[in-house]
Amino acid sequence: MTKRAACRICRQPLEDVFVDLGSSPLANSFLAAGDLGRMERFYPLKVFVCRHCFLVQLEEFESPERIFSDYAYFSSFSPAWVEHARRFAAMAIDRFRLDANSKVIEIASNDGYLLQHFQAKQIPVLGIEPAANVAAVAEAAGIPTRVLFLGEETGRQLAAEGQQADLVAGNNVFAHVPELHSFVEGLKAILKPGGTITLEFPHLLRLMRENQFDTIYHEHFSYFSLLTTARIFREHGLEVYDVEELPTHGGSLRVYGRHDEAGGPVSPRVEELRRMESAAGLDRLDCYRNFEPRVRKVKFDLLEFLIRQARDGKTVAGYGAPAKGNTLLNYCGAGPELLPYTVDRSPHKQGRYLPGTRIPIFAPERIAETKPDYVLILPWNIRDEIAEQMRCIRDWGGRFVVPIPELEVF
């Protein structure tokens, strides 16, 4: 009998399926032309919910070292995300009174998209980035960066070197961590006694309400609510003392944590969000069992649209090559026969192929050259930014399509 996987927080066996998205390759394992004649590895994309602590999670099929050591995502290629980072830095500098005597550490600091804003104000920074190719870009831009995975051991090593921070920031990294207890202990180790941890991550409640199943992929091991985040913080002597709801990535949370012994008031927003999650059913198993039928409807609607356009002689091109788009297209089984190509601003993706579907990726200029009837926006969370960048499609009567939360043509 196969041993059941154990929950990352409470270690209880996982028995309940949240959604089964079939099998997919790693969402950021883009293919070069020379890879097209080789076999790709596909892994089950079955998501469980723990009936004891309600953490939604995947089993671990590949190690973080394999997934993230050479990474294709560079944050600075999204102007909207860089602007989000700039606003966060300005807020944090003011709220936490950061200056030249302070220290900011970012976990999964990517290419320096965030830390550059603190450094510009003469605030000392350190990036922690496991992908050596991405860290090299940050270093070239003058952002001090250590190539490592944060965990209990590396956190303590950093603290022993005097690398502790007034602000420890982690944007869209929490979901990427298979060993949650070790990671949170690492956060605690590098946090000064009076410092603050901020973590941003897609909010499970928004994922469920708005059918955002495409944000599920193997690189995301867990999907968090305030309920589950506060629980694992408590187990490591940390307290969530404030929380914000953000529009990023289709709806995210920014939680603020501190050492238990630091004390201080807790924002009423924490209790308000706890009540909201409870009212939505996130502390009851039956709530999670209603998700999969809505996911199937998104699949059927998108496939019906693409097939109808192909039969009518209309052309559909993609915009973007995000990980979420690879989950969507592989789950739907939509290949080049329905979506002949997609485009992306990142030169690191251009000339390559989407994993699984093997749809080619071109520079955005390809759309003006081929004049498709429709442009399917795969990173739907920045649909307005893309629609503005690609407004030229209106010149030949082209229209945009987004698949989530439901199919929309505009």
Protein backbone atom coordinates (compact mmCIF):
# COMPACT_ATOMS: atom_id res chain seq x y z
CA MET A 1 0.00 0.00 0.00
CA THR A 2 1.38 3.41 -0.99
CA LYS A 3 2.14 5.69 1.92
CA ARG A 4 0.07 8.87 1.86
CA ALA A 5 1.87 12.20 1.55
CA ALA A 6 2.00 14.24 4.75
CA CYS A 7 0.84 17.82 5.25
CA ARG A 8 3.63 20.40 5.24
CA ILE A 9 2.30 22.11 8.37
CA CYS A 10 0.69 19.54 10.65
CA ARG A 11 2.28 16.34 9.23
CA GLN A 12 -1.09 14.54 9.01
CA PRO A 13 -1.75 12.25 6.00
CA LEU A 14 -3.29 13.98 2.95
CA GLU A 15 -6.57 12.30 2.04
CA ASP A 16 -8.69 14.89 0.23
CA VAL A 17 -8.24 16.12 -3.35
CA PHE A 18 -8.81 19.83 -3.94
CA VAL A 19 -8.43 19.69 -7.73
CA ASP A 20 -6.81 17.31 -10.21
CA LEU A 21 -5.26 19.08 -13.22
CA GLY A 22 -3.86 15.94 -14.84
CA SER A 23 -0.15 15.84 -15.65
CA SER A 24 2.12 18.70 -16.71
CA PRO A 25 5.83 19.43 -17.10
CA LEU A 26 7.47 21.98 -14.82
CA ALA A 27 5.81 25.26 -15.76
CA ASN A 28 9.05 27.19 -16.28
CA SER A 29 10.95 24.43 -18.11
CA PHE A 30 10.93 26.18 -21.48
CA LEU A 31 12.32 24.25 -24.43
CA ALA A 32 15.03 25.21 -26.89
CA ALA A 33 14.68 24.11 -30.51
CA GLY A 34 17.16 21.31 -29.89
CA ASP A 35 14.93 19.90 -27.14
CA LEU A 36 11.94 19.26 -29.37
CA GLY A 37 13.10 15.77 -30.32
CA ARG A 38 13.56 14.74 -26.71
CA MET A 39 11.18 13.41 -24.11
CA GLU A 40 9.75 15.79 -21.52
CA ARG A 41 9.06 14.83 -17.95
CA PHE A 42 5.44 15.19 -16.89
CA TYR A 43 4.34 15.10 -13.26
CA PRO A 44 0.92 14.73 -11.63
CA LEU A 45 -0.67 18.09 -10.88
CA LYS A 46 -3.04 16.84 -8.21
CA VAL A 47 -3.71 19.26 -5.36
CA PHE A 48 -4.70 18.16 -1.86
CA VAL A 49 -6.26 19.96 1.08
CA CYS A 50 -5.37 18.95 4.62
CA ARG A 51 -8.52 18.17 6.57
CA HIS A 52 -6.76 19.09 9.83
CA CYS A 53 -5.17 22.49 9.14
CA PHE A 54 -6.65 23.29 5.67
CA LEU A 55 -3.35 23.92 3.91
CA VAL A 56 -3.82 23.41 0.15
CA GLN A 57 -0.72 21.77 -1.29
CA LEU A 58 0.99 19.64 -3.91
CA GLU A 59 3.25 16.71 -3.33
CA GLU A 60 6.93 17.42 -4.03
CA PHE A 61 8.04 15.72 -7.25
CA GLU A 62 11.14 17.80 -7.96
CA SER A 63 13.53 19.48 -5.58
CA PRO A 64 13.76 23.27 -5.38
CA GLU A 65 17.39 22.91 -6.47
CA ARG A 66 16.30 21.45 -9.81
CA ILE A 67 13.43 23.88 -10.29
CA PHE A 68 15.06 27.15 -9.31
CA SER A 69 18.82 26.87 -9.81
CA ASP A 70 18.50 28.17 -13.38
CA TYR A 71 15.32 30.21 -13.72
CA ALA A 72 13.60 31.84 -16.69
CA TYR A 73 11.60 34.49 -14.82
CA PHE A 74 13.06 37.99 -14.49
CA SER A 75 10.87 40.37 -12.47
CA SER A 76 12.07 43.57 -14.12
CA PHE A 77 10.40 42.70 -17.43
CA SER A 78 7.01 43.62 -15.92
CA PRO A 79 6.72 47.40 -15.54
CA ALA A 80 3.63 46.96 -13.37
CA TRP A 81 5.51 44.69 -10.97
CA VAL A 82 8.48 47.05 -10.74
CA GLU A 83 6.08 49.90 -9.94
CA HIS A 84 4.42 47.74 -7.29
CA ALA A 85 7.87 47.17 -5.78
CA ARG A 86 8.64 50.90 -5.83
CA ARG A 87 5.42 51.71 -3.96
CA PHE A 88 6.10 49.02 -1.40
CA ALA A 89 9.61 50.33 -0.78
CA ALA A 90 8.36 53.88 -0.30
CA MET A 91 5.71 52.66 2.16
CA ALA A 92 8.17 50.49 4.10
CA ILE A 93 10.81 53.22 4.37
CA ASP A 94 8.21 55.54 5.87
CA ARG A 95 6.37 53.01 8.07
CA PHE A 96 9.47 51.35 9.55
CA ARG A 97 11.64 54.49 9.55
CA LEU A 98 14.36 52.83 7.52
CA ASP A 99 17.60 54.73 6.92
CA ALA A 100 21.32 54.22 6.37
CA ASN A 101 21.55 52.45 9.74
CA SER A 102 18.90 49.89 8.78
CA LYS A 103 19.09 46.68 6.77
CA VAL A 104 16.67 45.17 4.26
CA ILE A 105 16.92 41.53 3.18
CA GLU A 106 14.74 40.14 0.42
CA ILE A 107 14.19 36.42 0.01
CA ALA A 108 14.01 35.32 -3.63
CA SER A 109 15.26 38.75 -4.65
CA ASN A 110 15.36 37.86 -8.36
CA ASP A 111 17.13 40.50 -10.48
CA GLY A 112 17.04 43.29 -7.88
CA TYR A 113 13.67 44.68 -8.99
CA LEU A 114 12.74 45.54 -5.35
CA LEU A 115 16.01 46.12 -3.53
CA GLN A 116 17.10 48.75 -6.05
CA HIS A 117 14.48 51.10 -4.59
CA PHE A 118 15.87 50.77 -1.06
CA GLN A 119 19.43 51.06 -2.27
CA ALA A 120 18.59 54.27 -4.09
CA LYS A 121 17.75 55.73 -0.66
CA GLN A 122 21.14 54.61 0.74
CA ILE A 123 19.58 51.81 2.79
CA PRO A 124 21.85 48.73 3.00
CA VAL A 125 20.37 45.68 1.29
CA LEU A 126 21.06 42.00 0.74
CA GLY A 127 19.36 39.73 -1.75
CA ILE A 128 18.90 36.00 -1.18
CA GLU A 129 18.33 34.34 -4.57
CA PRO A 130 18.72 30.62 -5.34
CA ALA A 131 18.89 31.00 -9.13
CA ALA A 132 22.52 31.78 -9.98
CA ASN A 133 21.68 33.10 -13.46
CA VAL A 134 19.20 35.60 -12.03
CA ALA A 135 21.43 36.56 -9.10
CA ALA A 136 24.19 37.41 -11.57
CA VAL A 137 21.94 40.04 -13.16
CA ALA A 138 21.29 41.59 -9.74
CA GLU A 139 24.99 41.61 -8.88
CA ALA A 140 25.78 43.27 -12.20
CA ALA A 141 23.31 46.01 -11.24
CA GLY A 142 25.13 46.54 -7.93
CA ILE A 143 22.69 44.65 -5.66
CA PRO A 144 24.63 42.46 -3.15
CA THR A 145 23.17 38.96 -3.56
CA ARG A 146 23.83 35.57 -1.99
CA VAL A 147 23.03 32.47 -4.03
CA LEU A 148 21.32 30.13 -1.59
CA PHE A 149 18.00 28.73 -0.38
CA LEU A 150 16.81 30.14 2.92
CA GLY A 151 16.16 27.56 5.60
CA GLU A 152 16.84 27.04 9.27
CA GLU A 153 20.55 26.25 8.76
CA THR A 154 21.31 28.99 6.22
CA GLY A 155 19.28 31.50 8.23
CA ARG A 156 21.35 30.82 11.32
CA GLN A 157 24.56 31.04 9.31
CA LEU A 158 23.54 34.44 7.98
CA ALA A 159 22.63 35.62 11.49
CA ALA A 160 26.02 34.46 12.80
CA GLU A 161 27.64 36.61 10.10
CA GLY A 162 25.68 39.63 11.35
CA GLN A 163 23.22 39.49 8.47
CA GLN A 164 20.01 40.36 10.30
CA ALA A 165 17.45 42.82 9.01
CA ASP A 166 14.96 45.41 10.17
CA LEU A 167 12.82 44.33 7.23
CA VAL A 168 12.80 40.83 5.74
CA ALA A 169 10.68 40.83 2.58
CA GLY A 170 9.49 37.85 0.57
CA ASN A 171 7.36 38.53 -2.49
CA ASN A 172 5.85 35.44 -4.11
CA VAL A 173 8.33 33.07 -2.53
CA PHE A 174 6.27 31.47 0.28
CA ALA A 175 4.41 29.20 -2.15
CA HIS A 176 7.72 28.00 -3.62
CA VAL A 177 8.93 26.47 -0.34
CA PRO A 178 8.51 22.72 0.28
CA GLU A 179 10.03 22.76 3.79
CA LEU A 180 7.81 25.38 5.40
CA HIS A 181 8.98 24.89 8.98
CA SER A 182 12.64 25.25 8.03
CA PHE A 183 11.90 28.33 5.91
CA VAL A 184 9.94 30.13 8.64
CA GLU A 185 12.66 29.31 11.15
CA GLY A 186 15.14 30.84 8.69
CA LEU A 187 13.04 34.00 8.47
CA LYS A 188 13.01 34.21 12.25
CA ALA A 189 16.80 33.79 12.46
CA ILE A 190 17.57 36.75 10.16
CA LEU A 191 14.97 39.09 11.69
CA LYS A 192 16.23 41.64 14.20
CA PRO A 193 14.41 41.66 17.58
CA GLY A 194 12.28 44.66 16.63
CA GLY A 195 12.08 43.92 12.91
CA THR A 196 9.24 43.01 10.57
CA ILE A 197 8.73 40.21 8.07
CA THR A 198 6.50 40.91 5.09
CA LEU A 199 5.33 38.10 2.85
CA GLU A 200 3.23 38.54 -0.28
CA PHE A 201 1.48 35.58 -1.86
CA PRO A 202 -1.67 34.87 -3.86
CA HIS A 203 -4.64 34.58 -1.52
CA LEU A 204 -6.27 31.14 -1.56
CA LEU A 205 -9.68 32.72 -1.07
CA ARG A 206 -9.32 34.73 -4.30
CA LEU A 207 -7.95 31.68 -6.13
CA MET A 208 -11.08 29.77 -5.21
CA ARG A 209 -13.62 32.52 -5.77
CA GLU A 210 -12.24 33.49 -9.18
CA ASN A 211 -11.29 30.10 -10.62
CA GLN A 212 -7.59 30.95 -10.64
CA PHE A 213 -6.51 27.33 -10.93
CA ASP A 214 -3.79 28.26 -13.43
CA THR A 215 -1.74 29.71 -10.57
CA ILE A 216 -1.28 26.07 -9.52
CA TYR A 217 1.94 24.52 -10.82
CA HIS A 218 4.72 22.32 -9.50
CA GLU A 219 6.91 25.27 -8.54
CA HIS A 220 4.13 26.34 -6.14
CA PHE A 221 4.09 23.73 -3.40
CA SER A 222 1.47 25.40 -1.16
CA TYR A 223 -1.48 27.83 -1.41
CA PHE A 224 -2.10 29.99 1.61
CA SER A 225 -4.86 31.64 3.54
CA LEU A 226 -4.35 33.90 6.54
CA LEU A 227 -5.56 30.93 8.58
CA THR A 228 -2.67 28.68 7.53
CA THR A 229 -0.05 31.44 7.49
CA ALA A 230 -0.83 32.56 11.04
CA ARG A 231 -0.70 28.95 12.22
CA ILE A 232 2.80 28.22 10.97
CA PHE A 233 4.04 31.60 12.20
CA ARG A 234 2.71 30.79 15.69
CA GLU A 235 4.53 27.47 15.70
CA HIS A 236 7.83 29.35 15.30
CA GLY A 237 7.29 32.15 17.79
CA LEU A 238 6.15 34.71 15.24
CA GLU A 239 2.97 36.77 15.21
CA VAL A 240 1.00 38.13 12.26
CA TYR A 241 0.19 41.65 13.40
CA ASP A 242 -1.15 43.20 10.20
CA VAL A 243 -2.41 42.13 6.78
CA GLU A 244 -3.33 43.86 3.53
CA GLU A 245 -5.32 42.65 0.56
CA LEU A 246 -3.54 43.49 -2.71
CA PRO A 247 -4.67 43.39 -6.35
CA THR A 248 -1.45 41.75 -7.58
CA HIS A 249 -1.51 38.28 -9.18
CA GLY A 250 -5.28 38.22 -9.21
CA GLY A 251 -5.55 39.00 -5.50
CA SER A 252 -2.77 38.61 -2.93
CA LEU A 253 -2.15 39.05 0.76
CA ARG A 254 0.69 40.94 2.35
CA VAL A 255 1.17 39.72 5.90
CA TYR A 256 3.28 41.51 8.48
CA GLY A 257 5.01 39.35 11.09
CA ARG A 258 7.20 39.97 14.14
CA HIS A 259 8.79 38.08 17.00
CA ASP A 260 6.21 37.14 19.64
CA GLU A 261 8.22 38.87 22.33
CA ALA A 262 8.26 42.16 20.38
CA GLY A 263 4.70 42.86 21.46
CA GLY A 264 2.59 45.75 20.25
CA PRO A 265 -0.91 46.27 18.87
CA VAL A 266 -2.47 43.94 16.29
CA SER A 267 -4.28 45.63 13.42
CA PRO A 268 -8.05 45.07 13.32
CA ARG A 269 -7.53 44.01 9.69
CA VAL A 270 -6.19 40.67 10.95
CA GLU A 271 -9.39 39.74 12.74
CA GLU A 272 -11.53 41.13 9.91
CA LEU A 273 -9.81 38.88 7.39
CA ARG A 274 -10.00 35.90 9.71
CA ARG A 275 -13.76 36.39 9.91
CA MET A 276 -13.99 36.77 6.12
CA GLU A 277 -12.14 33.50 5.54
CA SER A 278 -14.27 31.72 8.11
CA ALA A 279 -17.47 33.05 6.56
CA ALA A 280 -16.26 31.79 3.15
CA GLY A 281 -15.73 28.32 4.61
CA LEU A 282 -11.94 28.09 4.58
CA ASP A 283 -12.06 26.37 7.96
CA ARG A 284 -14.49 23.69 6.67
CA LEU A 285 -13.62 20.80 4.37
CA ASP A 286 -16.81 20.95 2.29
CA CYS A 287 -15.85 24.40 0.95
CA TYR A 288 -12.83 22.92 -0.84
CA ARG A 289 -14.82 20.16 -2.51
CA ASN A 290 -16.81 22.62 -4.64
CA PHE A 291 -13.86 23.95 -6.60
CA GLU A 292 -13.12 21.32 -9.25
CA PRO A 293 -16.43 21.54 -11.19
CA ARG A 294 -15.85 25.27 -11.79
CA VAL A 295 -12.33 24.53 -13.05
CA ARG A 296 -13.72 22.11 -15.62
CA LYS A 297 -16.11 24.78 -16.91
CA VAL A 298 -13.20 27.16 -17.61
CA LYS A 299 -11.50 24.38 -19.57
CA PHE A 300 -14.59 23.57 -21.65
CA ASP A 301 -15.34 27.23 -22.41
CA LEU A 302 -11.80 28.00 -23.58
CA LEU A 303 -11.55 24.89 -25.73
CA GLU A 304 -14.93 25.56 -27.32
CA PHE A 305 -13.81 29.11 -28.16
CA LEU A 306 -10.47 28.05 -29.66
CA ILE A 307 -11.99 25.20 -31.66
CA ARG A 308 -14.73 27.46 -33.02
CA GLN A 309 -12.21 30.04 -34.21
CA ALA A 310 -10.08 27.36 -35.88
CA ARG A 311 -13.10 25.95 -37.70
CA ASP A 312 -14.18 29.42 -38.80
CA GLY A 313 -10.73 30.23 -40.19
CA LYS A 314 -9.98 32.83 -37.53
CA THR A 315 -6.54 33.16 -35.95
CA VAL A 316 -5.72 33.32 -32.25
CA ALA A 317 -2.30 34.26 -30.91
CA GLY A 318 -1.14 34.23 -27.31
CA TYR A 319 0.38 37.05 -25.31
CA GLY A 320 2.81 36.10 -22.59
CA ALA A 321 4.62 32.94 -21.56
CA PRO A 322 3.90 32.88 -17.81
CA ALA A 323 3.92 29.74 -15.71
CA LYS A 324 0.17 30.10 -15.21
CA GLY A 325 -0.34 29.98 -18.95
CA ASN A 326 1.49 26.67 -19.13
CA THR A 327 -0.78 25.16 -16.48
CA LEU A 328 -3.84 26.39 -18.37
CA LEU A 329 -2.76 25.19 -21.82
CA ASN A 330 -1.53 21.80 -20.64
CA TYR A 331 -4.69 21.18 -18.61
CA CYS A 332 -6.82 22.12 -21.62
CA GLY A 333 -4.66 20.19 -24.07
CA ALA A 334 -4.40 23.24 -26.33
CA GLY A 335 -1.36 23.06 -28.63
CA PRO A 336 -0.13 24.86 -31.77
CA GLU A 337 -3.12 23.63 -33.76
CA LEU A 338 -5.31 25.95 -31.67
CA LEU A 339 -2.74 28.57 -30.57
CA PRO A 340 0.00 28.75 -33.23
CA TYR A 341 2.30 30.97 -31.19
CA THR A 342 2.60 33.29 -28.23
CA VAL A 343 4.78 36.35 -27.61
CA ASP A 344 6.70 37.60 -24.60
CA ARG A 345 8.73 40.70 -23.80
CA SER A 346 11.48 38.72 -22.09
CA PRO A 347 14.38 37.91 -24.44
CA HIS A 348 15.11 34.96 -22.15
CA LYS A 349 11.92 33.29 -23.44
CA GLN A 350 11.89 34.41 -27.06
CA GLY A 351 12.95 31.71 -29.51
CA ARG A 352 11.97 28.97 -27.09
CA TYR A 353 8.87 26.80 -26.74
CA LEU A 354 6.25 26.38 -24.03
CA PRO A 355 6.73 23.18 -22.04
CA GLY A 356 4.30 20.41 -22.85
CA THR A 357 2.34 22.17 -25.59
CA ARG A 358 5.51 23.21 -27.50
CA ILE A 359 3.93 26.43 -28.70
CA PRO A 360 6.70 28.75 -30.04
CA ILE A 361 7.47 32.05 -28.31
CA PHE A 362 8.26 35.18 -30.33
CA ALA A 363 8.90 38.83 -29.59
CA PRO A 364 5.75 41.00 -29.33
CA GLU A 365 6.35 42.47 -32.80
CA ARG A 366 5.12 39.16 -34.23
CA ILE A 367 1.53 40.16 -33.49
CA ALA A 368 1.68 43.27 -35.68
CA GLU A 369 3.29 41.20 -38.44
CA THR A 370 0.63 38.45 -38.48
CA LYS A 371 -2.46 40.46 -37.39
CA PRO A 372 -4.39 37.73 -35.55
CA ASP A 373 -8.14 38.08 -35.03
CA TYR A 374 -7.78 37.44 -31.30
CA VAL A 375 -5.02 37.74 -28.71
CA LEU A 376 -5.36 35.37 -25.75
CA ILE A 377 -3.85 37.09 -22.70
CA LEU A 378 -2.23 34.34 -20.63
CA PRO A 379 -1.03 36.57 -17.73
CA TRP A 380 -4.62 37.76 -17.20
CA ASN A 381 -3.63 39.41 -13.90
CA ILE A 382 -2.01 42.25 -15.92
CA ARG A 383 -4.62 42.33 -18.68
CA ASP A 384 -4.97 46.12 -18.62
CA GLU A 385 -1.22 46.66 -18.96
CA ILE A 386 -1.08 44.26 -21.91
CA ALA A 387 -4.18 45.64 -23.61
CA GLU A 388 -2.60 49.09 -23.49
CA GLN A 389 0.77 47.83 -24.80
CA MET A 390 -0.92 45.96 -27.65
CA ARG A 391 -3.71 48.42 -28.49
CA CYS A 392 -2.48 48.29 -32.09
CA ILE A 393 -4.58 45.15 -32.61
CA ARG A 394 -7.65 47.39 -32.72
CA ASP A 395 -6.30 48.82 -35.99
CA TRP A 396 -7.24 45.63 -37.86
CA GLY A 397 -10.29 44.79 -35.73
CA GLY A 398 -8.50 42.40 -33.40
CA ARG A 399 -9.89 41.62 -29.96
CA PHE A 400 -8.50 40.42 -26.66
CA VAL A 401 -9.52 37.26 -24.81
CA VAL A 402 -9.01 36.32 -21.15
CA PRO A 403 -9.91 32.85 -19.87
CA ILE A 404 -10.16 33.52 -16.11
CA PRO A 405 -12.25 33.95 -13.98
CA GLU A 406 -14.44 33.16 -16.99
CA LEU A 407 -14.01 33.51 -20.72
CA GLU A 408 -14.27 37.15 -21.79
CA VAL A 409 -13.75 38.69 -25.24
CA PHE A 410 -13.22 42.45 -25.30
